[in-house]
């Protein structure tokens, strides 16, 4: 099966259904018990959105830190 990659160039939120393949049910169950129920009132949808948003923010922070370090080392040369 070929995988397709699509770049979205719009700022409008697009709602889509997400299917997970070969993903252990035990991991979803543990996530639901330890994270979703106590912190999100059982709302798995909001919990996953928050998880994705936090991962993206962390990636942006790490990328900006690496870029800053590269620029600092280039300025020292």
C-alpha atoms as a PDB file:
ATOM      1  CA  UNK A   1       0.000   0.000   0.000  1.00  0.00           C
ATOM      2  CA  UNK A   2       1.406   3.372  -1.003  1.00  0.00           C
ATOM      3  CA  UNK A   3       1.356   6.152   1.557  1.00  0.00           C
ATOM      4  CA  UNK A   4       0.372   9.609   0.444  1.00  0.00           C
ATOM      5  CA  UNK A   5       1.680  12.766   2.054  1.00  0.00           C
ATOM      6  CA  UNK A   6      -0.348  15.929   1.729  1.00  0.00           C
ATOM      7  CA  UNK A   7       0.754  19.407   2.742  1.00  0.00           C
ATOM      8  CA  UNK A   8      -2.127  21.545   3.950  1.00  0.00           C
ATOM      9  CA  UNK A   9      -1.602  25.242   3.319  1.00  0.00           C
ATOM     10  CA  UNK A  10      -4.730  26.521   5.009  1.00  0.00           C
ATOM     11  CA  UNK A  11      -5.187  27.928   8.496  1.00  0.00           C
ATOM     12  CA  UNK A  12      -8.757  26.626   8.768  1.00  0.00           C
ATOM     13  CA  UNK A  13      -9.235  23.672  11.109  1.00  0.00           C
ATOM     14  CA  UNK A  14     -10.159  20.535   9.205  1.00  0.00           C
ATOM     15  CA  UNK A  15     -11.898  17.820  11.169  1.00  0.00           C
ATOM     16  CA  UNK A  16     -11.031  14.256  10.264  1.00  0.00           C
ATOM     17  CA  UNK A  17     -11.437  10.746  11.571  1.00  0.00           C
ATOM     18  CA  UNK A  18      -8.296   8.996  12.743  1.00  0.00           C
ATOM     19  CA  UNK A  19      -7.717   5.255  12.457  1.00  0.00           C
ATOM     20  CA  UNK A  20      -4.825   3.576  14.253  1.00  0.00           C
ATOM     21  CA  UNK A  21      -3.373   0.396  12.773  1.00  0.00           C
ATOM     22  CA  UNK A  22      -1.255  -2.085  14.711  1.00  0.00           C
ATOM     23  CA  UNK A  23      -1.578   0.049  17.837  1.00  0.00           C
ATOM     24  CA  UNK A  24      -1.856  -1.868  21.118  1.00  0.00           C
ATOM     25  CA  UNK A  25      -5.248  -1.531  22.799  1.00  0.00           C
ATOM     26  CA  UNK A  26      -3.474  -1.814  26.151  1.00  0.00           C
ATOM     27  CA  UNK A  27      -1.658   1.463  25.460  1.00  0.00           C
ATOM     28  CA  UNK A  28      -4.950   3.263  24.699  1.00  0.00           C
ATOM     29  CA  UNK A  29      -6.488   1.708  27.798  1.00  0.00           C
ATOM     30  CA  UNK A  30      -3.600   2.833  30.011  1.00  0.00           C
ATOM     31  CA  UNK A  31      -3.703   6.340  28.488  1.00  0.00           C
ATOM     32  CA  UNK A  32      -7.443   6.494  29.150  1.00  0.00           C
ATOM     33  CA  UNK A  33      -7.083   5.355  32.763  1.00  0.00           C
ATOM     34  CA  UNK A  34      -4.051   7.443  33.735  1.00  0.00           C
ATOM     35  CA  UNK A  35      -4.552  10.603  31.674  1.00  0.00           C
ATOM     36  CA  UNK A  36      -7.962  10.916  30.030  1.00  0.00           C
ATOM     37  CA  UNK A  37     -10.234  10.074  32.965  1.00  0.00           C
ATOM     38  CA  UNK A  38      -8.555  12.169  35.679  1.00  0.00           C
ATOM     39  CA  UNK A  39      -7.426  15.179  33.639  1.00  0.00           C
ATOM     40  CA  UNK A  40      -9.889  15.389  30.736  1.00  0.00           C
ATOM     41  CA  UNK A  41     -13.098  14.110  32.286  1.00  0.00           C
ATOM     42  CA  UNK A  42     -13.006  11.049  30.029  1.00  0.00           C
ATOM     43  CA  UNK A  43     -12.849  13.059  26.794  1.00  0.00           C
ATOM     44  CA  UNK A  44     -10.334  11.105  24.705  1.00  0.00           C
ATOM     45  CA  UNK A  45     -10.721  13.474  21.744  1.00  0.00           C
ATOM     46  CA  UNK A  46      -9.622  16.536  23.736  1.00  0.00           C
ATOM     47  CA  UNK A  47      -6.816  14.576  25.396  1.00  0.00           C
ATOM     48  CA  UNK A  48      -5.344  13.486  22.055  1.00  0.00           C
ATOM     49  CA  UNK A  49      -5.640  17.019  20.647  1.00  0.00           C
ATOM     50  CA  UNK A  50      -3.831  18.382  23.714  1.00  0.00           C
ATOM     51  CA  UNK A  51      -1.147  15.700  23.424  1.00  0.00           C
ATOM     52  CA  UNK A  52      -0.520  16.574  19.769  1.00  0.00           C
ATOM     53  CA  UNK A  53      -0.466  20.320  20.474  1.00  0.00           C
ATOM     54  CA  UNK A  54       2.014  19.871  23.338  1.00  0.00           C
ATOM     55  CA  UNK A  55       4.249  17.666  21.173  1.00  0.00           C
ATOM     56  CA  UNK A  56       4.262  20.324  18.443  1.00  0.00           C
ATOM     57  CA  UNK A  57       5.087  23.098  20.932  1.00  0.00           C
ATOM     58  CA  UNK A  58       7.917  21.011  22.370  1.00  0.00           C
ATOM     59  CA  UNK A  59       9.257  20.302  18.876  1.00  0.00           C
ATOM     60  CA  UNK A  60       9.165  24.035  18.082  1.00  0.00           C
ATOM     61  CA  UNK A  61      11.044  24.796  21.313  1.00  0.00           C
ATOM     62  CA  UNK A  62      13.719  22.176  20.623  1.00  0.00           C
ATOM     63  CA  UNK A  63      14.109  23.313  17.004  1.00  0.00           C
ATOM     64  CA  UNK A  64      14.460  26.975  18.017  1.00  0.00           C
ATOM     65  CA  UNK A  65      17.015  26.002  20.674  1.00  0.00           C
ATOM     66  CA  UNK A  66      19.072  24.003  18.162  1.00  0.00           C
ATOM     67  CA  UNK A  67      18.867  26.855  15.652  1.00  0.00           C
ATOM     68  CA  UNK A  68      19.979  29.313  18.339  1.00  0.00           C
ATOM     69  CA  UNK A  69      22.937  27.104  19.271  1.00  0.00           C
ATOM     70  CA  UNK A  70      23.958  26.718  15.612  1.00  0.00           C
ATOM     71  CA  UNK A  71      23.742  30.458  15.032  1.00  0.00           C
ATOM     72  CA  UNK A  72      25.765  31.147  18.192  1.00  0.00           C
ATOM     73  CA  UNK A  73      28.503  28.714  17.182  1.00  0.00           C
ATOM     74  CA  UNK A  74      28.618  30.178  13.648  1.00  0.00           C
ATOM     75  CA  UNK A  75      28.988  33.694  15.069  1.00  0.00           C
ATOM     76  CA  UNK A  76      31.957  32.595  17.195  1.00  0.00           C
ATOM     77  CA  UNK A  77      33.930  31.427  14.150  1.00  0.00           C
END
